[in-house]
Amino acid sequence: MAKPPSLDREIRDLYRLPLADFTAARNALAGRLKKAGDGAAAADVRARAKLSPSAWVVTQLLAREPDRIAALIEAGKEARAAQRQALAGRGTETFRGALSRARRLVEELRRRAEAILAESGRRAGGAVAERLAADLQALAFTPAAAATVRRGFLDADLEPPGFEVLAGLQLAAAPQPADAGRTGRPERPEPRRADGTAGARHVAATKAAKAGRHRADAADAALPKAVADGRKRWEEAVRARHQREVARAKERVENAESEVARTEAEAAFRHAAAKQAERAAAEATKQARTAREAADGASERAERARAALARAREALAALRHEHRRGEPSRRSS
């Protein structure tokens, strides 16, 4: 189910925050979504891990350097398009020009990223620098990078270009033989001079051909090392990516365990509160029943007292009446 545009913007803004503010802002957004009744979106937000410094600074570049990023994407696209022709010996200069622009933009963006990291109090050294370079190369030479640019943030470091891409770039960028760009038509041989020596143009062509063979031999000799270096970098990038995925998975598990523990603690607290309320209600019911019984007993005793009082009044009235009847008799005697 697609997220609403407003939530996409909030997630983008979340990743663009300073690294130190990410966790608190993520939890606040997840809590607000949960309170609004969107449990699935809240769980998705809460499971999002804090970015690595390299992924964070590339996200900053997407926000602050959109023109250079767009130029990098375009140069990489042009280089990929020209790569096949360059491998066939055609369009080499076009390929090298696009590749040179892409590399120049990667370097410019790398320096800009280092400045942004310095502003945030971090240094782009060691593993951070290597990972940053791999992210920028992925933006340039990976077709899927355009989607990352459109959404405006990274949620993790990008997967580096595959070994086949790196090896192809190395091969296509290698120096070509002197006659690589020719049409294949044999040149018309220059007539030999009357003294039997070759003409000046023939001598120059021979030297150029020899130099071209030397360059081709040097390129052929350097190619295995370039391919081996490319494979090594690719394998190191794959291992690093695996380690990052393991770390992210571990963090997601820890976040989930923390959420479960928090939920269990809240449930236990609410259960204890409910039990306490039940006990209080039972005690109140008991006290109310005792009070009702006491009230009933008091009412009964009051009724008996009223009856006894009425009888006493009747007896008193009878005595008075009897006393009044006896007074004349005593006077007459």
Protein backbone atom coordinates (compact mmCIF):
# COMPACT_ATOMS: atom_id res chain seq x y z
CA MET A 1 0.00 0.00 0.00
CA ALA A 2 1.46 3.33 -1.09
CA LYS A 3 2.20 5.94 1.54
CA PRO A 4 0.38 9.28 1.23
CA PRO A 5 2.47 12.14 -0.22
CA SER A 6 2.47 13.98 3.09
CA LEU A 7 4.01 10.98 4.86
CA ASP A 8 6.63 10.63 2.11
CA ARG A 9 7.60 14.25 2.68
CA GLU A 10 7.78 13.73 6.44
CA ILE A 11 10.04 10.70 5.98
CA ARG A 12 12.24 12.67 3.56
CA ASP A 13 12.49 15.56 6.04
CA LEU A 14 13.24 13.05 8.79
CA TYR A 15 16.31 11.74 6.92
CA ARG A 16 17.47 15.29 6.18
CA LEU A 17 17.61 16.23 9.87
CA PRO A 18 20.96 16.37 11.69
CA LEU A 19 22.03 12.85 12.63
CA ALA A 20 21.81 13.64 16.35
CA ASP A 21 18.12 14.57 16.00
CA PHE A 22 17.03 11.52 13.99
CA THR A 23 16.06 9.02 16.69
CA ALA A 24 13.91 11.40 18.76
CA ALA A 25 12.17 12.75 15.64
CA ARG A 26 11.58 9.23 14.29
CA ASN A 27 10.01 8.06 17.54
CA ALA A 28 7.85 11.20 17.74
CA LEU A 29 6.57 10.66 14.18
CA ALA A 30 5.87 6.97 14.87
CA GLY A 31 4.00 7.89 18.06
CA ARG A 32 1.90 10.47 16.25
CA LEU A 33 1.01 7.98 13.50
CA LYS A 34 0.07 5.35 16.07
CA LYS A 35 -2.09 7.84 17.97
CA ALA A 36 -3.81 8.70 14.69
CA GLY A 37 -4.68 5.01 14.25
CA ASP A 38 -2.20 4.18 11.46
CA GLY A 39 -0.39 1.30 13.14
CA ALA A 40 1.24 -0.02 9.94
CA ALA A 41 2.82 3.33 9.07
CA ALA A 42 3.90 3.79 12.69
CA ALA A 43 5.64 0.39 12.67
CA ASP A 44 7.32 1.20 9.33
CA VAL A 45 8.66 4.52 10.66
CA ARG A 46 9.83 3.05 13.97
CA ALA A 47 11.74 0.27 12.14
CA ARG A 48 13.78 2.80 10.13
CA ALA A 49 17.40 2.80 11.23
CA LYS A 50 19.60 5.83 11.75
CA LEU A 51 21.65 6.59 8.64
CA SER A 52 25.36 6.03 8.36
CA PRO A 53 27.35 9.29 7.97
CA SER A 54 27.97 8.53 4.28
CA ALA A 55 24.28 7.90 3.47
CA TRP A 56 23.30 10.98 5.50
CA VAL A 57 25.71 13.29 3.69
CA VAL A 58 24.60 11.99 0.27
CA THR A 59 21.03 12.85 1.32
CA GLN A 60 22.30 16.33 2.16
CA LEU A 61 23.85 16.54 -1.33
CA LEU A 62 20.51 15.58 -2.89
CA ALA A 63 18.94 18.52 -1.04
CA ARG A 64 21.73 21.08 -1.44
CA GLU A 65 23.33 20.23 -4.81
CA PRO A 66 20.45 19.18 -7.10
CA ASP A 67 22.09 20.61 -10.26
CA ARG A 68 25.39 18.77 -9.76
CA ILE A 69 23.56 15.57 -8.88
CA ALA A 70 21.47 15.88 -12.06
CA ALA A 71 24.64 16.48 -14.09
CA LEU A 72 26.26 13.42 -12.50
CA ILE A 73 23.27 11.23 -13.36
CA GLU A 74 23.29 12.51 -16.95
CA ALA A 75 27.05 11.98 -17.38
CA GLY A 76 26.77 8.44 -16.01
CA LYS A 77 23.84 7.72 -18.33
CA GLU A 78 25.83 8.97 -21.33
CA ALA A 79 28.88 6.95 -20.29
CA ARG A 80 26.83 3.74 -20.02
CA ALA A 81 25.28 4.40 -23.43
CA ALA A 82 28.70 4.95 -25.06
CA GLN A 83 30.44 2.09 -23.24
CA ARG A 84 29.37 -0.66 -25.67
CA GLN A 85 30.53 1.30 -28.69
CA ALA A 86 33.81 2.16 -26.96
CA LEU A 87 34.50 -1.52 -26.34
CA ALA A 88 34.01 -2.08 -30.07
CA GLY A 89 36.51 0.66 -30.88
CA ARG A 90 33.93 3.32 -31.85
CA GLY A 91 32.98 6.48 -30.00
CA THR A 92 35.88 6.20 -27.58
CA GLU A 93 36.28 9.93 -27.19
CA THR A 94 32.56 10.38 -26.44
CA PHE A 95 32.79 7.70 -23.79
CA ARG A 96 35.95 9.11 -22.25
CA GLY A 97 34.43 12.60 -22.20
CA ALA A 98 31.30 11.39 -20.37
CA LEU A 99 33.37 9.28 -18.01
CA SER A 100 35.68 12.23 -17.32
CA ARG A 101 32.70 14.47 -16.51
CA ALA A 102 31.24 11.84 -14.21
CA ARG A 103 34.54 11.42 -12.37
CA ARG A 104 34.98 15.20 -12.09
CA LEU A 105 31.47 15.58 -10.64
CA VAL A 106 32.08 12.69 -8.24
CA GLU A 107 35.19 14.48 -7.00
CA GLU A 108 33.41 17.83 -6.69
CA LEU A 109 30.51 16.25 -4.79
CA ARG A 110 32.93 14.31 -2.59
CA ARG A 111 34.67 17.53 -1.56
CA ARG A 112 31.31 19.19 -0.94
CA ALA A 113 30.23 16.23 1.18
CA GLU A 114 33.40 16.47 3.25
CA ALA A 115 32.63 20.15 3.91
CA ILE A 116 29.07 19.27 5.00
CA LEU A 117 30.39 16.57 7.32
CA ALA A 118 32.88 19.05 8.77
CA GLU A 119 30.00 21.48 9.43
CA SER A 120 28.26 18.75 11.40
CA GLY A 121 31.39 18.02 13.44
CA ARG A 122 32.38 14.83 11.60
CA ARG A 123 35.34 13.80 9.47
CA ALA A 124 35.15 11.92 6.16
CA GLY A 125 38.05 9.60 6.84
CA GLY A 126 38.67 5.90 6.36
CA ALA A 127 35.56 3.81 5.86
CA VAL A 128 33.30 6.87 5.62
CA ALA A 129 35.30 8.23 2.66
CA GLU A 130 35.28 4.86 0.88
CA ARG A 131 31.56 4.39 1.42
CA LEU A 132 30.85 7.95 0.27
CA ALA A 133 32.83 7.36 -2.96
CA ALA A 134 30.92 4.10 -3.56
CA ASP A 135 27.58 5.89 -3.06
CA LEU A 136 28.50 8.61 -5.54
CA GLN A 137 29.70 6.03 -8.10
CA ALA A 138 26.42 4.17 -7.65
CA LEU A 139 24.51 7.39 -8.32
CA ALA A 140 26.52 7.88 -11.52
CA PHE A 141 26.65 4.36 -12.96
CA THR A 142 23.56 2.56 -11.59
CA PRO A 143 20.33 3.00 -13.63
CA ALA A 144 18.15 2.75 -10.50
CA ALA A 145 19.80 5.84 -9.02
CA ALA A 146 17.27 8.11 -10.73
CA ALA A 147 14.54 6.85 -8.39
CA THR A 148 16.69 7.75 -5.39
CA VAL A 149 17.17 11.25 -6.77
CA ARG A 150 13.43 11.68 -7.35
CA ARG A 151 12.47 10.82 -3.79
CA GLY A 152 15.25 13.04 -2.43
CA PHE A 153 16.85 10.87 0.26
CA LEU A 154 18.75 7.68 1.02
CA ASP A 155 17.46 5.31 3.68
CA ALA A 156 20.73 3.35 3.50
CA ASP A 157 24.01 3.34 1.57
CA LEU A 158 23.59 2.45 -2.08
CA GLU A 159 24.69 -0.85 -3.51
CA PRO A 160 27.93 -0.19 -5.41
CA PRO A 161 28.10 -0.79 -9.18
CA GLY A 162 28.65 -4.45 -9.99
CA PHE A 163 31.99 -5.89 -11.00
CA GLU A 164 30.88 -6.16 -14.61
CA VAL A 165 30.22 -2.41 -14.73
CA LEU A 166 33.56 -1.52 -13.13
CA ALA A 167 35.49 -3.92 -15.37
CA GLY A 168 33.71 -2.58 -18.46
CA LEU A 169 34.57 0.98 -17.51
CA GLN A 170 38.20 0.03 -16.96
CA LEU A 171 38.35 -1.77 -20.30
CA ALA A 172 36.60 0.93 -22.30
CA ALA A 173 38.78 3.64 -20.75
CA ALA A 174 42.04 1.80 -21.54
CA PRO A 175 44.25 3.39 -24.25
CA GLN A 176 43.40 2.11 -27.73
CA PRO A 177 45.82 1.16 -30.51
CA ALA A 178 46.78 3.98 -32.85
CA ASP A 179 44.57 2.67 -35.67
CA ALA A 180 41.53 1.87 -33.46
CA GLY A 181 39.46 4.72 -34.81
CA ARG A 182 40.23 4.13 -38.47
CA THR A 183 37.74 2.83 -40.98
CA GLY A 184 39.72 -0.30 -41.84
CA ARG A 185 40.54 0.75 -45.38
CA PRO A 186 44.26 0.18 -46.16
CA GLU A 187 46.21 3.32 -46.86
CA ARG A 188 47.70 3.73 -50.30
CA PRO A 189 51.42 2.93 -50.02
CA GLU A 190 53.74 5.79 -50.66
CA PRO A 191 56.02 5.22 -53.67
CA ARG A 192 59.57 4.51 -52.83
CA ARG A 193 62.15 7.07 -53.86
CA ALA A 194 64.59 6.39 -56.69
CA ASP A 195 67.37 5.54 -54.27
CA GLY A 196 65.27 2.71 -52.82
CA THR A 197 64.63 4.37 -49.42
CA ALA A 198 61.18 4.80 -48.02
CA GLY A 199 59.51 8.19 -48.15
CA ALA A 200 59.21 10.39 -45.09
CA ARG A 201 55.48 9.66 -44.71
CA HIS A 202 56.13 5.94 -44.72
CA VAL A 203 58.79 6.29 -42.02
CA ALA A 204 56.47 8.40 -39.87
CA ALA A 205 53.61 5.91 -40.33
CA THR A 206 55.91 3.05 -39.36
CA LYS A 207 56.98 4.84 -36.20
CA ALA A 208 53.38 5.70 -35.33
CA ALA A 209 52.28 2.11 -35.86
CA LYS A 210 55.11 0.86 -33.67
CA ALA A 211 54.21 3.38 -30.96
CA GLY A 212 50.57 2.31 -31.23
CA ARG A 213 51.54 -1.33 -30.78
CA HIS A 214 53.58 -0.38 -27.71
CA ARG A 215 50.58 1.45 -26.24
CA ALA A 216 48.29 -1.46 -27.03
CA ASP A 217 50.75 -3.89 -25.43
CA ALA A 218 50.93 -1.65 -22.35
CA ALA A 219 47.15 -1.49 -22.20
CA ASP A 220 46.87 -5.27 -22.56
CA ALA A 221 49.46 -5.72 -19.80
CA ALA A 222 47.67 -3.25 -17.50
CA LEU A 223 44.19 -4.64 -18.13
CA PRO A 224 44.42 -7.80 -15.98
CA LYS A 225 45.60 -5.73 -13.03
CA ALA A 226 42.82 -3.19 -13.59
CA VAL A 227 40.23 -5.95 -13.76
CA ALA A 228 41.70 -7.62 -10.66
CA ASP A 229 41.67 -4.31 -8.81
CA GLY A 230 38.08 -3.76 -9.89
CA ARG A 231 37.06 -7.21 -8.68
CA LYS A 232 38.83 -6.62 -5.37
CA ARG A 233 37.05 -3.31 -4.83
CA TRP A 234 33.76 -4.92 -5.81
CA GLU A 235 34.26 -7.81 -3.37
CA GLU A 236 35.21 -5.40 -0.60
CA ALA A 237 32.12 -3.32 -1.34
CA VAL A 238 29.92 -6.44 -1.24
CA ARG A 239 31.40 -7.47 2.11
CA ALA A 240 30.94 -3.98 3.49
CA ARG A 241 27.35 -3.92 2.25
CA HIS A 242 26.69 -7.29 3.88
CA GLN A 243 28.10 -6.04 7.15
CA ARG A 244 25.91 -2.94 6.96
CA GLU A 245 22.84 -5.05 6.21
CA VAL A 246 23.63 -7.25 9.20
CA ALA A 247 24.07 -4.16 11.38
CA ARG A 248 20.78 -2.68 10.13
CA ALA A 249 18.99 -5.98 10.69
CA LYS A 250 20.43 -6.14 14.21
CA GLU A 251 19.27 -2.60 14.89
CA ARG A 252 15.79 -3.40 13.57
CA VAL A 253 15.64 -6.45 15.82
CA GLU A 254 16.80 -4.39 18.79
CA ASN A 255 14.20 -1.73 18.00
CA ALA A 256 11.50 -4.40 17.71
CA GLU A 257 12.60 -6.02 20.99
CA SER A 258 12.59 -2.62 22.67
CA GLU A 259 9.10 -1.94 21.35
CA VAL A 260 7.90 -5.37 22.54
CA ALA A 261 9.45 -4.79 25.97
CA ARG A 262 7.85 -1.36 26.19
CA THR A 263 4.48 -2.76 25.12
CA GLU A 264 4.77 -5.63 27.61
CA ALA A 265 5.67 -3.22 30.40
CA GLU A 266 2.73 -1.00 29.52
CA ALA A 267 0.41 -4.00 29.37
CA ALA A 268 1.69 -5.25 32.75
CA PHE A 269 1.18 -1.78 34.26
CA ARG A 270 -2.35 -1.54 32.88
CA HIS A 271 -3.12 -5.10 34.05
CA ALA A 272 -1.91 -4.26 37.56
CA ALA A 273 -3.94 -1.05 37.51
CA ALA A 274 -7.02 -3.01 36.42
CA LYS A 275 -6.50 -5.55 39.22
CA GLN A 276 -6.10 -2.75 41.73
CA ALA A 277 -9.27 -1.11 40.45
CA GLU A 278 -11.09 -4.44 40.72
CA ARG A 279 -9.91 -4.85 44.31
CA ALA A 280 -10.93 -1.30 45.14
CA ALA A 281 -14.34 -1.88 43.56
CA ALA A 282 -14.77 -5.13 45.48
CA GLU A 283 -13.79 -3.39 48.72
CA ALA A 284 -16.14 -0.53 47.97
CA THR A 285 -18.93 -3.03 47.22
CA LYS A 286 -18.21 -4.79 50.47
CA GLN A 287 -18.20 -1.54 52.39
CA ALA A 288 -21.41 -0.48 50.67
CA ARG A 289 -23.04 -3.80 51.57
CA THR A 290 -21.91 -3.44 55.20
CA ALA A 291 -23.19 0.11 55.24
CA ARG A 292 -26.53 -1.01 53.80
CA GLU A 293 -26.77 -3.77 56.41
CA ALA A 294 -25.91 -1.30 59.17
CA ALA A 295 -28.47 1.13 57.80
CA ASP A 296 -31.08 -1.62 57.64
CA GLY A 297 -30.30 -2.61 61.25
CA ALA A 298 -30.46 1.00 62.38
CA SER A 299 -33.80 1.44 60.59
CA GLU A 300 -35.14 -1.69 62.25
CA ARG A 301 -33.97 -0.56 65.68
CA ALA A 302 -35.42 2.87 65.10
CA GLU A 303 -38.74 1.30 64.16
CA ARG A 304 -38.74 -0.80 67.31
CA ALA A 305 -37.84 2.29 69.35
CA ARG A 306 -40.72 4.20 67.75
CA ALA A 307 -43.08 1.32 68.54
CA ALA A 308 -41.81 1.14 72.14
CA LEU A 309 -42.19 4.91 72.44
CA ALA A 310 -45.75 4.72 71.18
CA ARG A 311 -46.57 2.00 73.68
CA ALA A 312 -44.96 3.98 76.46
CA ARG A 313 -46.99 7.03 75.50
CA GLU A 314 -50.15 4.96 75.46
CA ALA A 315 -49.36 3.54 78.91
CA LEU A 316 -48.59 7.00 80.22
CA ALA A 317 -51.85 8.33 78.82
CA ALA A 318 -53.74 5.48 80.44
CA LEU A 319 -52.11 6.13 83.77
CA ARG A 320 -52.94 9.81 83.57
CA HIS A 321 -56.50 9.01 82.68
CA GLU A 322 -56.77 6.60 85.57
CA HIS A 323 -55.21 9.13 87.86
CA ARG A 324 -57.71 11.80 86.87
CA ARG A 325 -60.61 9.44 87.52
CA GLY A 326 -59.39 8.63 91.03
CA GLU A 327 -58.97 12.25 92.21
CA PRO A 328 -62.75 13.06 92.90
CA SER A 329 -63.15 9.96 95.02
CA ARG A 330 -60.31 11.01 97.19
CA ARG A 331 -61.74 14.55 97.56
CA SER A 332 -65.21 13.30 98.56
CA SER A 333 -63.84 11.09 101.31
